[in-house]
Amino acid sequence: MTLREFGRLGGEKWSPSFASKLGKAASKLYREIYGKDPPQKRASRDWRNKVGKYPCGILEQAYRKLTASNDKSTSTILSIPETEKTT
């Protein structure tokens, strides 16, 4: 399954930067598990480009990691330290 197919299943449209981060995270997971680069296939949108093909579980894990790290980073940015809170 490609990143684009995975995004369509969830009905989401990602920014190019998020899709790039997701692809890198999925490739890293694939290499850790299988010890080799993920297989590639021709993109349906633009035939000359090749895209990575991953098992769905790897894409799900990478997506969860990426969204969890995004949630943590935004929550730490938006949280107010105890010393600055006024009552």
N, C-alpha and C. Protein backbone atom coordinates (compact mmCIF):
# COMPACT_ATOMS: atom_id res chain seq x y z
N MET A 1 0.85 -1.17 0.00
CA MET A 1 0.00 0.00 0.00
C MET A 1 0.90 1.24 0.00
N THR A 2 0.55 2.21 -0.80
CA THR A 2 1.32 3.45 -0.86
C THR A 2 0.75 4.46 0.13
N LEU A 3 1.49 5.54 0.36
CA LEU A 3 1.02 6.59 1.26
C LEU A 3 -0.29 7.20 0.76
N ARG A 4 -0.38 7.39 -0.52
CA ARG A 4 -1.59 7.99 -1.08
C ARG A 4 -2.82 7.09 -0.86
N GLU A 5 -2.64 5.79 -1.07
CA GLU A 5 -3.74 4.85 -0.83
C GLU A 5 -4.13 4.83 0.64
N PHE A 6 -3.14 4.89 1.52
CA PHE A 6 -3.41 4.90 2.96
C PHE A 6 -4.17 6.16 3.36
N GLY A 7 -3.80 7.29 2.80
CA GLY A 7 -4.50 8.55 3.09
C GLY A 7 -5.94 8.53 2.59
N ARG A 8 -6.16 7.90 1.44
CA ARG A 8 -7.52 7.81 0.90
C ARG A 8 -8.42 6.96 1.78
N LEU A 9 -7.85 5.90 2.39
CA LEU A 9 -8.65 5.06 3.27
C LEU A 9 -9.21 5.85 4.44
N GLY A 10 -8.40 6.77 4.97
CA GLY A 10 -8.84 7.60 6.08
C GLY A 10 -9.57 8.84 5.65
N GLY A 11 -9.63 9.08 4.35
CA GLY A 11 -10.32 10.26 3.83
C GLY A 11 -9.58 11.55 4.16
N GLU A 12 -8.28 11.48 4.30
CA GLU A 12 -7.49 12.66 4.66
C GLU A 12 -6.67 13.15 3.48
N LYS A 13 -6.39 14.44 3.49
CA LYS A 13 -5.47 15.02 2.51
C LYS A 13 -4.37 15.70 3.31
N TRP A 14 -3.14 15.19 3.14
CA TRP A 14 -2.02 15.68 3.93
C TRP A 14 -1.24 16.73 3.18
N SER A 15 -0.56 17.56 3.94
CA SER A 15 0.36 18.52 3.33
C SER A 15 1.57 17.73 2.82
N PRO A 16 2.27 18.27 1.85
CA PRO A 16 3.45 17.56 1.33
C PRO A 16 4.50 17.29 2.41
N SER A 17 4.66 18.21 3.36
CA SER A 17 5.66 18.00 4.40
C SER A 17 5.26 16.85 5.33
N PHE A 18 3.97 16.73 5.66
CA PHE A 18 3.51 15.64 6.51
C PHE A 18 3.67 14.31 5.79
N ALA A 19 3.32 14.27 4.51
CA ALA A 19 3.45 13.04 3.73
C ALA A 19 4.92 12.61 3.64
N SER A 20 5.81 13.58 3.51
CA SER A 20 7.24 13.28 3.46
C SER A 20 7.72 12.69 4.78
N LYS A 21 7.30 13.29 5.88
CA LYS A 21 7.68 12.78 7.20
C LYS A 21 7.12 11.38 7.43
N LEU A 22 5.89 11.16 6.99
CA LEU A 22 5.26 9.86 7.15
C LEU A 22 5.99 8.81 6.33
N GLY A 23 6.37 9.14 5.11
CA GLY A 23 7.12 8.21 4.27
C GLY A 23 8.47 7.87 4.86
N LYS A 24 9.16 8.86 5.42
CA LYS A 24 10.46 8.60 6.04
C LYS A 24 10.31 7.72 7.28
N ALA A 25 9.28 7.99 8.08
CA ALA A 25 9.05 7.18 9.28
C ALA A 25 8.68 5.75 8.91
N ALA A 26 7.84 5.58 7.87
CA ALA A 26 7.45 4.24 7.43
C ALA A 26 8.65 3.48 6.86
N SER A 27 9.50 4.16 6.11
CA SER A 27 10.70 3.51 5.56
C SER A 27 11.64 3.08 6.68
N LYS A 28 11.78 3.91 7.69
CA LYS A 28 12.64 3.58 8.83
C LYS A 28 12.11 2.34 9.55
N LEU A 29 10.80 2.30 9.81
CA LEU A 29 10.20 1.13 10.45
C LEU A 29 10.38 -0.12 9.61
N TYR A 30 10.17 0.01 8.30
CA TYR A 30 10.32 -1.13 7.40
C TYR A 30 11.74 -1.68 7.46
N ARG A 31 12.72 -0.78 7.44
CA ARG A 31 14.12 -1.21 7.51
C ARG A 31 14.45 -1.88 8.84
N GLU A 32 13.87 -1.38 9.94
CA GLU A 32 14.11 -1.99 11.25
C GLU A 32 13.54 -3.41 11.32
N ILE A 33 12.38 -3.60 10.71
CA ILE A 33 11.71 -4.91 10.79
C ILE A 33 12.29 -5.90 9.79
N TYR A 34 12.41 -5.49 8.53
CA TYR A 34 12.82 -6.42 7.46
C TYR A 34 14.30 -6.36 7.11
N GLY A 35 15.00 -5.32 7.54
CA GLY A 35 16.43 -5.23 7.26
C GLY A 35 16.78 -4.86 5.83
N LYS A 36 15.84 -4.34 5.08
CA LYS A 36 16.10 -3.91 3.70
C LYS A 36 15.16 -2.76 3.36
N ASP A 37 15.42 -2.10 2.24
CA ASP A 37 14.57 -1.00 1.80
C ASP A 37 13.21 -1.51 1.36
N PRO A 38 12.16 -0.69 1.52
CA PRO A 38 10.83 -1.12 1.07
C PRO A 38 10.77 -1.23 -0.45
N PRO A 39 9.95 -2.15 -0.96
CA PRO A 39 9.81 -2.26 -2.42
C PRO A 39 9.16 -1.00 -2.99
N GLN A 40 9.43 -0.77 -4.26
CA GLN A 40 8.86 0.41 -4.92
C GLN A 40 8.01 -0.01 -6.10
N LYS A 41 7.07 0.85 -6.43
CA LYS A 41 6.25 0.64 -7.62
C LYS A 41 6.06 1.99 -8.30
N ARG A 42 5.58 1.96 -9.51
CA ARG A 42 5.33 3.20 -10.24
C ARG A 42 4.11 3.91 -9.67
N ALA A 43 4.20 5.22 -9.56
CA ALA A 43 3.08 6.01 -9.05
C ALA A 43 1.96 6.04 -10.08
N SER A 44 0.73 5.94 -9.60
CA SER A 44 -0.41 5.97 -10.52
C SER A 44 -0.63 7.38 -11.07
N ARG A 45 -0.24 8.38 -10.30
CA ARG A 45 -0.46 9.76 -10.72
C ARG A 45 0.56 10.20 -11.77
N ASP A 46 1.81 9.82 -11.56
CA ASP A 46 2.88 10.22 -12.45
C ASP A 46 3.78 9.01 -12.67
N TRP A 47 3.63 8.36 -13.79
CA TRP A 47 4.23 7.05 -14.04
C TRP A 47 5.76 7.04 -13.92
N ARG A 48 6.43 8.14 -14.19
CA ARG A 48 7.89 8.12 -14.18
C ARG A 48 8.47 8.05 -12.77
N ASN A 49 7.69 8.45 -11.75
CA ASN A 49 8.18 8.43 -10.38
C ASN A 49 7.86 7.11 -9.70
N LYS A 50 8.75 6.70 -8.82
CA LYS A 50 8.52 5.49 -8.03
C LYS A 50 8.18 5.88 -6.61
N VAL A 51 7.29 5.13 -6.00
CA VAL A 51 6.88 5.39 -4.62
C VAL A 51 7.05 4.11 -3.81
N GLY A 52 7.25 4.27 -2.50
CA GLY A 52 7.41 3.13 -1.63
C GLY A 52 6.10 2.40 -1.42
N LYS A 53 6.21 1.09 -1.24
CA LYS A 53 5.04 0.26 -1.02
C LYS A 53 5.25 -0.45 0.33
N TYR A 54 4.32 -0.24 1.27
CA TYR A 54 4.48 -0.73 2.63
C TYR A 54 3.30 -1.60 3.04
N PRO A 55 3.51 -2.50 4.00
CA PRO A 55 2.37 -3.18 4.60
C PRO A 55 1.54 -2.15 5.38
N CYS A 56 0.24 -2.34 5.43
CA CYS A 56 -0.65 -1.38 6.06
C CYS A 56 -0.29 -1.15 7.53
N GLY A 57 0.12 -2.20 8.24
CA GLY A 57 0.46 -2.06 9.65
C GLY A 57 1.63 -1.12 9.90
N ILE A 58 2.59 -1.13 9.00
CA ILE A 58 3.74 -0.22 9.14
C ILE A 58 3.30 1.22 8.94
N LEU A 59 2.43 1.45 7.97
CA LEU A 59 1.92 2.81 7.76
C LEU A 59 1.11 3.27 8.96
N GLU A 60 0.31 2.37 9.55
CA GLU A 60 -0.47 2.74 10.73
C GLU A 60 0.42 3.11 11.90
N GLN A 61 1.47 2.32 12.13
CA GLN A 61 2.39 2.60 13.22
C GLN A 61 3.11 3.94 13.01
N ALA A 62 3.57 4.17 11.81
CA ALA A 62 4.27 5.42 11.51
C ALA A 62 3.32 6.61 11.66
N TYR A 63 2.08 6.46 11.22
CA TYR A 63 1.09 7.53 11.34
C TYR A 63 0.81 7.84 12.81
N ARG A 64 0.64 6.80 13.62
CA ARG A 64 0.38 7.01 15.05
C ARG A 64 1.55 7.70 15.74
N LYS A 65 2.77 7.26 15.41
CA LYS A 65 3.95 7.89 16.00
C LYS A 65 4.04 9.36 15.63
N LEU A 66 3.81 9.63 14.36
CA LEU A 66 3.94 11.00 13.87
C LEU A 66 2.86 11.91 14.46
N THR A 67 1.63 11.44 14.50
CA THR A 67 0.56 12.28 15.06
C THR A 67 0.72 12.42 16.56
N ALA A 68 1.21 11.40 17.25
CA ALA A 68 1.43 11.50 18.70
C ALA A 68 2.54 12.49 18.99
N SER A 69 3.61 12.48 18.20
CA SER A 69 4.69 13.44 18.43
C SER A 69 4.25 14.86 18.11
N ASN A 70 3.37 15.02 17.11
CA ASN A 70 2.83 16.34 16.80
C ASN A 70 1.94 16.83 17.93
N ASP A 71 1.14 15.95 18.51
CA ASP A 71 0.27 16.33 19.62
C ASP A 71 1.10 16.74 20.83
N LYS A 72 2.15 16.00 21.12
CA LYS A 72 3.00 16.33 22.27
C LYS A 72 3.70 17.66 22.07
N SER A 73 4.18 17.92 20.88
CA SER A 73 4.91 19.16 20.65
C SER A 73 3.98 20.36 20.73
N THR A 74 2.75 20.24 20.23
CA THR A 74 1.82 21.37 20.33
C THR A 74 1.33 21.55 21.75
N SER A 75 1.16 20.45 22.49
CA SER A 75 0.69 20.59 23.87
C SER A 75 1.76 21.22 24.74
N THR A 76 3.03 20.94 24.46
CA THR A 76 4.09 21.56 25.26
C THR A 76 4.24 23.03 24.90
N ILE A 77 3.97 23.38 23.67
CA ILE A 77 4.06 24.78 23.28
C ILE A 77 2.92 25.57 23.91
N LEU A 78 1.74 24.98 23.96
CA LEU A 78 0.57 25.69 24.45
C LEU A 78 0.40 25.63 25.96
N SER A 79 1.14 24.75 26.64
CA SER A 79 0.97 24.65 28.08
C SER A 79 1.64 25.83 28.78
N ILE A 80 1.03 26.25 29.87
CA ILE A 80 1.56 27.38 30.63
C ILE A 80 2.24 26.82 31.87
N PRO A 81 3.49 27.18 32.13
CA PRO A 81 4.17 26.69 33.32
C PRO A 81 3.44 27.11 34.59
N GLU A 82 3.58 26.32 35.65
CA GLU A 82 2.87 26.59 36.91
C GLU A 82 3.22 27.94 37.50
N THR A 83 4.44 28.41 37.30
CA THR A 83 4.86 29.68 37.90
C THR A 83 4.21 30.87 37.24
N GLU A 84 3.77 30.72 35.99
CA GLU A 84 3.17 31.84 35.26
C GLU A 84 1.66 31.88 35.38
N LYS A 85 1.04 30.86 35.94
CA LYS A 85 -0.42 30.83 36.06
C LYS A 85 -0.86 31.83 37.14
N THR A 86 -1.93 32.55 36.82
CA THR A 86 -2.48 33.48 37.80
C THR A 86 -3.82 32.97 38.27
N THR A 87 -4.10 33.13 39.54
CA THR A 87 -5.39 32.65 40.08
C THR A 87 -6.23 33.78 40.58
